[in-house]
Amino acid sequence: MDPINGLKLKAFFLTNSAVSNIAKNEVHHSTLQFTDLIKTCGIDITLAETLPNNELIKVFDLIFIDLQFYTLTENIPIEIQQLTSRTRIVFFNATNNLCDEKQLLISSIAGIFYQGERIDIILRGITRLQKNERWFKRKTMNSALSELLVNVSKLNQLPVNQQQQSISLHSLTRRKN
């Protein structure tokens, strides 16, 4: 698992059950399981209940936001949108249909992990994130790519009168071997 630029990655976890609860063993088991998987991939983690200040955020390669007890509205909160320009944001502990994945992808979110996902799927996603890739369901990626291709094809369409012009084959030169 190759970290970005060959350096060990640092991840920040924004969660409701952060540092004070870890000492008391009161962190939700899905959050503990997820953070343990991140650690096994060689990523240093920091947990807190609030985001670090702007200077400290630069230290982290990834910011994981725990959606366990969070209700995501149609729009991504402005604080998170602003973070995507400075670091890679990943949601975890999401419930199905909590949000529009394509909207997250377009908003520069790096990935999303759902509650109850198999460990091998989570590990594969973490590996992709370590390689500076995105982690979304295949259906979401295909839908976004299809939409992009439709939009690009609309931009590249020639006006009707230019489409009807044929290529004159005798004006093409023969390929030389």
C-alpha atoms as a PDB file:
ATOM      1  CA  MET A   1       0.000   0.000   0.000  1.00  0.00           C
ATOM      2  CA  ASP A   2       1.795   3.030  -1.312  1.00  0.00           C
ATOM      3  CA  PRO A   3       1.272   6.241   0.610  1.00  0.00           C
ATOM      4  CA  ILE A   4       1.145   9.440  -1.403  1.00  0.00           C
ATOM      5  CA  ASN A   5       4.680  10.612  -2.300  1.00  0.00           C
ATOM      6  CA  GLY A   6       6.157   7.672  -0.359  1.00  0.00           C
ATOM      7  CA  LEU A   7       5.420   9.351   2.995  1.00  0.00           C
ATOM      8  CA  LYS A   8       3.275   7.965   5.779  1.00  0.00           C
ATOM      9  CA  LEU A   9      -0.208   9.461   5.618  1.00  0.00           C
ATOM     10  CA  LYS A  10      -1.809  11.360   8.466  1.00  0.00           C
ATOM     11  CA  ALA A  11      -5.556  11.232   8.946  1.00  0.00           C
ATOM     12  CA  PHE A  12      -7.835  13.300  11.133  1.00  0.00           C
ATOM     13  CA  PHE A  13     -11.107  11.817  12.385  1.00  0.00           C
ATOM     14  CA  LEU A  14     -13.985  14.133  13.186  1.00  0.00           C
ATOM     15  CA  THR A  15     -16.353  12.115  15.321  1.00  0.00           C
ATOM     16  CA  ASN A  16     -18.889  12.610  18.087  1.00  0.00           C
ATOM     17  CA  SER A  17     -17.188   9.968  20.178  1.00  0.00           C
ATOM     18  CA  ALA A  18     -13.650  11.254  20.231  1.00  0.00           C
ATOM     19  CA  VAL A  19     -10.631  11.258  22.497  1.00  0.00           C
ATOM     20  CA  SER A  20     -12.282  11.540  25.914  1.00  0.00           C
ATOM     21  CA  ASN A  21     -14.549   8.613  25.142  1.00  0.00           C
ATOM     22  CA  ILE A  22     -11.739   6.408  23.817  1.00  0.00           C
ATOM     23  CA  ALA A  23     -10.107   6.343  27.244  1.00  0.00           C
ATOM     24  CA  LYS A  24     -13.443   5.239  28.717  1.00  0.00           C
ATOM     25  CA  ASN A  25     -14.024   2.642  25.962  1.00  0.00           C
ATOM     26  CA  GLU A  26     -17.224   4.422  24.980  1.00  0.00           C
ATOM     27  CA  VAL A  27     -16.478   4.900  21.273  1.00  0.00           C
ATOM     28  CA  HIS A  28     -19.071   3.278  19.027  1.00  0.00           C
ATOM     29  CA  HIS A  29     -17.791  -0.108  17.812  1.00  0.00           C
ATOM     30  CA  SER A  30     -18.153   0.824  14.112  1.00  0.00           C
ATOM     31  CA  THR A  31     -15.943   3.889  14.634  1.00  0.00           C
ATOM     32  CA  LEU A  32     -13.374   1.836  16.559  1.00  0.00           C
ATOM     33  CA  GLN A  33     -13.369  -0.860  13.893  1.00  0.00           C
ATOM     34  CA  PHE A  34     -12.921   1.700  11.133  1.00  0.00           C
ATOM     35  CA  THR A  35     -10.101   3.582  12.868  1.00  0.00           C
ATOM     36  CA  ASP A  36      -8.362   0.276  13.653  1.00  0.00           C
ATOM     37  CA  LEU A  37      -8.494  -0.653   9.956  1.00  0.00           C
ATOM     38  CA  ILE A  38      -6.986   2.721   9.045  1.00  0.00           C
ATOM     39  CA  LYS A  39      -4.148   2.122  11.528  1.00  0.00           C
ATOM     40  CA  THR A  40      -3.438  -1.346  10.081  1.00  0.00           C
ATOM     41  CA  CYS A  41      -2.865   0.352   6.727  1.00  0.00           C
ATOM     42  CA  GLY A  42      -0.031   2.379   8.245  1.00  0.00           C
ATOM     43  CA  ILE A  43      -1.891   5.665   8.518  1.00  0.00           C
ATOM     44  CA  ASP A  44      -1.370   7.829  11.614  1.00  0.00           C
ATOM     45  CA  ILE A  45      -4.665   9.015  13.062  1.00  0.00           C
ATOM     46  CA  THR A  46      -5.873  11.815  15.293  1.00  0.00           C
ATOM     47  CA  LEU A  47      -9.420  11.862  16.691  1.00  0.00           C
ATOM     48  CA  ALA A  48     -11.354  14.908  17.885  1.00  0.00           C
ATOM     49  CA  GLU A  49     -14.859  16.279  18.192  1.00  0.00           C
ATOM     50  CA  THR A  50     -14.021  19.525  16.370  1.00  0.00           C
ATOM     51  CA  LEU A  51     -12.018  20.286  13.267  1.00  0.00           C
ATOM     52  CA  PRO A  52      -8.471  21.547  13.730  1.00  0.00           C
ATOM     53  CA  ASN A  53      -7.671  25.161  12.909  1.00  0.00           C
ATOM     54  CA  ASN A  54      -6.633  26.146   9.373  1.00  0.00           C
ATOM     55  CA  GLU A  55      -2.896  25.885  10.089  1.00  0.00           C
ATOM     56  CA  LEU A  56      -3.157  22.441  11.639  1.00  0.00           C
ATOM     57  CA  ILE A  57      -5.400  21.091   8.870  1.00  0.00           C
ATOM     58  CA  LYS A  58      -2.449  21.315   6.459  1.00  0.00           C
ATOM     59  CA  VAL A  59      -0.741  18.527   8.449  1.00  0.00           C
ATOM     60  CA  PHE A  60      -3.418  15.972   7.507  1.00  0.00           C
ATOM     61  CA  ASP A  61      -3.637  14.158   4.172  1.00  0.00           C
ATOM     62  CA  LEU A  62      -7.159  12.914   4.823  1.00  0.00           C
ATOM     63  CA  ILE A  63     -10.000  14.069   7.015  1.00  0.00           C
ATOM     64  CA  PHE A  64     -12.546  11.397   7.859  1.00  0.00           C
ATOM     65  CA  ILE A  65     -15.943  12.638   9.000  1.00  0.00           C
ATOM     66  CA  ASP A  66     -18.054  10.214  11.031  1.00  0.00           C
ATOM     67  CA  LEU A  67     -21.668  10.266   9.844  1.00  0.00           C
ATOM     68  CA  GLN A  68     -22.820   7.852  12.577  1.00  0.00           C
ATOM     69  CA  PHE A  69     -24.902  10.469  14.378  1.00  0.00           C
ATOM     70  CA  TYR A  70     -25.014  13.092  11.659  1.00  0.00           C
ATOM     71  CA  THR A  71     -27.860  14.076   9.367  1.00  0.00           C
ATOM     72  CA  LEU A  72     -26.556  15.253   6.033  1.00  0.00           C
ATOM     73  CA  THR A  73     -28.903  17.660   4.299  1.00  0.00           C
ATOM     74  CA  GLU A  74     -29.190  18.001   0.525  1.00  0.00           C
ATOM     75  CA  ASN A  75     -26.289  20.425   0.514  1.00  0.00           C
ATOM     76  CA  ILE A  76     -22.909  19.702   2.000  1.00  0.00           C
ATOM     77  CA  PRO A  77     -22.186  22.143   4.844  1.00  0.00           C
ATOM     78  CA  ILE A  78     -20.111  25.124   3.712  1.00  0.00           C
ATOM     79  CA  GLU A  79     -17.309  24.330   6.207  1.00  0.00           C
ATOM     80  CA  ILE A  80     -16.828  20.926   4.577  1.00  0.00           C
ATOM     81  CA  GLN A  81     -17.030  22.367   1.052  1.00  0.00           C
ATOM     82  CA  GLN A  82     -14.287  24.837   1.946  1.00  0.00           C
ATOM     83  CA  LEU A  83     -12.110  22.040   3.326  1.00  0.00           C
ATOM     84  CA  THR A  84     -12.169  20.119   0.035  1.00  0.00           C
ATOM     85  CA  SER A  85      -9.942  22.749  -1.547  1.00  0.00           C
ATOM     86  CA  ARG A  86      -7.276  22.227   1.149  1.00  0.00           C
ATOM     87  CA  THR A  87      -7.379  18.495   1.897  1.00  0.00           C
ATOM     88  CA  ARG A  88      -9.164  15.291   0.958  1.00  0.00           C
ATOM     89  CA  ILE A  89     -12.432  14.638   2.801  1.00  0.00           C
ATOM     90  CA  VAL A  90     -13.866  11.155   3.332  1.00  0.00           C
ATOM     91  CA  PHE A  91     -17.187  10.283   4.963  1.00  0.00           C
ATOM     92  CA  PHE A  92     -17.566   7.068   6.953  1.00  0.00           C
ATOM     93  CA  ASN A  93     -20.286   5.296   8.933  1.00  0.00           C
ATOM     94  CA  ALA A  94     -22.837   6.573   6.439  1.00  0.00           C
ATOM     95  CA  THR A  95     -26.246   4.965   6.140  1.00  0.00           C
ATOM     96  CA  ASN A  96     -27.642   4.049   2.744  1.00  0.00           C
ATOM     97  CA  ASN A  97     -29.528   6.850   0.996  1.00  0.00           C
ATOM     98  CA  LEU A  98     -28.175   9.413   3.455  1.00  0.00           C
ATOM     99  CA  CYS A  99     -26.959  11.606   0.621  1.00  0.00           C
ATOM    100  CA  ASP A 100     -26.574  11.827  -3.132  1.00  0.00           C
ATOM    101  CA  GLU A 101     -23.200  10.223  -3.824  1.00  0.00           C
ATOM    102  CA  LYS A 102     -22.885  11.890  -7.204  1.00  0.00           C
ATOM    103  CA  GLN A 103     -23.290  15.276  -5.512  1.00  0.00           C
ATOM    104  CA  LEU A 104     -20.507  14.326  -3.068  1.00  0.00           C
ATOM    105  CA  LEU A 105     -18.254  13.293  -5.949  1.00  0.00           C
ATOM    106  CA  ILE A 106     -18.905  16.520  -7.855  1.00  0.00           C
ATOM    107  CA  SER A 107     -18.262  18.474  -4.634  1.00  0.00           C
ATOM    108  CA  SER A 108     -14.727  17.009  -4.462  1.00  0.00           C
ATOM    109  CA  ILE A 109     -15.362  14.611  -1.583  1.00  0.00           C
ATOM    110  CA  ALA A 110     -12.721  11.862  -1.864  1.00  0.00           C
ATOM    111  CA  GLY A 111     -14.919   8.951  -0.821  1.00  0.00           C
ATOM    112  CA  ILE A 112     -17.616   7.452   1.336  1.00  0.00           C
ATOM    113  CA  PHE A 113     -17.804   4.280   3.432  1.00  0.00           C
ATOM    114  CA  TYR A 114     -21.090   2.814   4.650  1.00  0.00           C
ATOM    115  CA  GLN A 115     -22.061   1.157   7.912  1.00  0.00           C
ATOM    116  CA  GLY A 116     -21.935  -2.614   7.665  1.00  0.00           C
ATOM    117  CA  GLU A 117     -19.531  -2.764   4.718  1.00  0.00           C
ATOM    118  CA  ARG A 118     -17.312  -5.830   4.612  1.00  0.00           C
ATOM    119  CA  ILE A 119     -13.785  -5.398   5.911  1.00  0.00           C
ATOM    120  CA  ASP A 120     -12.232  -6.334   2.559  1.00  0.00           C
ATOM    121  CA  ILE A 121     -14.240  -3.587   0.844  1.00  0.00           C
ATOM    122  CA  ILE A 122     -13.135  -1.019   3.432  1.00  0.00           C
ATOM    123  CA  LEU A 123      -9.500  -2.096   3.085  1.00  0.00           C
ATOM    124  CA  ARG A 124      -9.736  -1.848  -0.708  1.00  0.00           C
ATOM    125  CA  GLY A 125     -11.150   1.664  -0.353  1.00  0.00           C
ATOM    126  CA  ILE A 126      -8.411   2.718   2.048  1.00  0.00           C
ATOM    127  CA  THR A 127      -5.812   1.390  -0.376  1.00  0.00           C
ATOM    128  CA  ARG A 128      -7.361   3.442  -3.184  1.00  0.00           C
ATOM    129  CA  LEU A 129      -7.343   6.550  -1.017  1.00  0.00           C
ATOM    130  CA  GLN A 130      -3.663   5.929  -0.224  1.00  0.00           C
ATOM    131  CA  LYS A 131      -3.034   5.945  -3.973  1.00  0.00           C
ATOM    132  CA  ASN A 132      -4.747   9.332  -4.236  1.00  0.00           C
ATOM    133  CA  GLU A 133      -7.835   7.858  -5.899  1.00  0.00           C
ATOM    134  CA  ARG A 134     -11.500   8.326  -5.011  1.00  0.00           C
ATOM    135  CA  TRP A 135     -13.724   5.763  -3.332  1.00  0.00           C
ATOM    136  CA  PHE A 136     -17.380   5.645  -4.373  1.00  0.00           C
ATOM    137  CA  LYS A 137     -19.771   2.947  -5.501  1.00  0.00           C
ATOM    138  CA  ARG A 138     -19.205   1.862  -9.081  1.00  0.00           C
ATOM    139  CA  LYS A 139     -22.766   2.903  -9.940  1.00  0.00           C
ATOM    140  CA  THR A 140     -22.007   6.460  -8.792  1.00  0.00           C
ATOM    141  CA  MET A 141     -18.763   6.659 -10.762  1.00  0.00           C
ATOM    142  CA  ASN A 142     -20.458   5.322 -13.922  1.00  0.00           C
ATOM    143  CA  SER A 143     -23.356   7.744 -13.570  1.00  0.00           C
ATOM    144  CA  ALA A 144     -21.046  10.745 -13.092  1.00  0.00           C
ATOM    145  CA  LEU A 145     -18.845   9.688 -16.015  1.00  0.00           C
ATOM    146  CA  SER A 146     -21.871   9.162 -18.271  1.00  0.00           C
ATOM    147  CA  GLU A 147     -23.219  12.591 -17.367  1.00  0.00           C
ATOM    148  CA  LEU A 148     -19.820  14.147 -18.064  1.00  0.00           C
ATOM    149  CA  LEU A 149     -19.586  12.423 -21.459  1.00  0.00           C
ATOM    150  CA  VAL A 150     -23.076  13.591 -22.434  1.00  0.00           C
ATOM    151  CA  ASN A 151     -22.179  17.166 -21.503  1.00  0.00           C
ATOM    152  CA  VAL A 152     -18.867  17.017 -23.379  1.00  0.00           C
ATOM    153  CA  SER A 153     -20.522  15.529 -26.454  1.00  0.00           C
ATOM    154  CA  LYS A 154     -23.095  18.360 -26.446  1.00  0.00           C
ATOM    155  CA  LEU A 155     -20.264  20.899 -26.344  1.00  0.00           C
ATOM    156  CA  ASN A 156     -18.393  19.185 -29.175  1.00  0.00           C
ATOM    157  CA  GLN A 157     -21.332  18.849 -31.558  1.00  0.00           C
ATOM    158  CA  LEU A 158     -20.912  20.658 -34.839  1.00  0.00           C
ATOM    159  CA  PRO A 159     -23.710  22.781 -36.208  1.00  0.00           C
ATOM    160  CA  VAL A 160     -26.057  20.802 -38.479  1.00  0.00           C
ATOM    161  CA  ASN A 161     -24.737  22.303 -41.728  1.00  0.00           C
ATOM    162  CA  GLN A 162     -21.136  21.361 -40.828  1.00  0.00           C
ATOM    163  CA  GLN A 163     -22.062  17.795 -39.843  1.00  0.00           C
ATOM    164  CA  GLN A 164     -23.373  17.120 -43.355  1.00  0.00           C
ATOM    165  CA  GLN A 165     -20.109  17.942 -45.080  1.00  0.00           C
ATOM    166  CA  SER A 166     -18.309  14.792 -46.136  1.00  0.00           C
ATOM    167  CA  ILE A 167     -14.574  14.234 -46.049  1.00  0.00           C
ATOM    168  CA  SER A 168     -12.972  14.213 -49.449  1.00  0.00           C
ATOM    169  CA  LEU A 169     -10.893  11.041 -49.534  1.00  0.00           C
ATOM    170  CA  HIS A 170      -8.758  12.128 -52.488  1.00  0.00           C
ATOM    171  CA  SER A 171      -7.465  15.056 -50.400  1.00  0.00           C
ATOM    172  CA  LEU A 172      -5.968  12.700 -47.823  1.00  0.00           C
ATOM    173  CA  THR A 173      -2.359  11.703 -48.337  1.00  0.00           C
ATOM    174  CA  ARG A 174      -1.302   8.088 -48.306  1.00  0.00           C
ATOM    175  CA  ARG A 175       0.428   6.838 -45.175  1.00  0.00           C
ATOM    176  CA  LYS A 176       4.090   6.072 -45.689  1.00  0.00           C
ATOM    177  CA  ASN A 177       5.563   2.926 -44.209  1.00  0.00           C
END
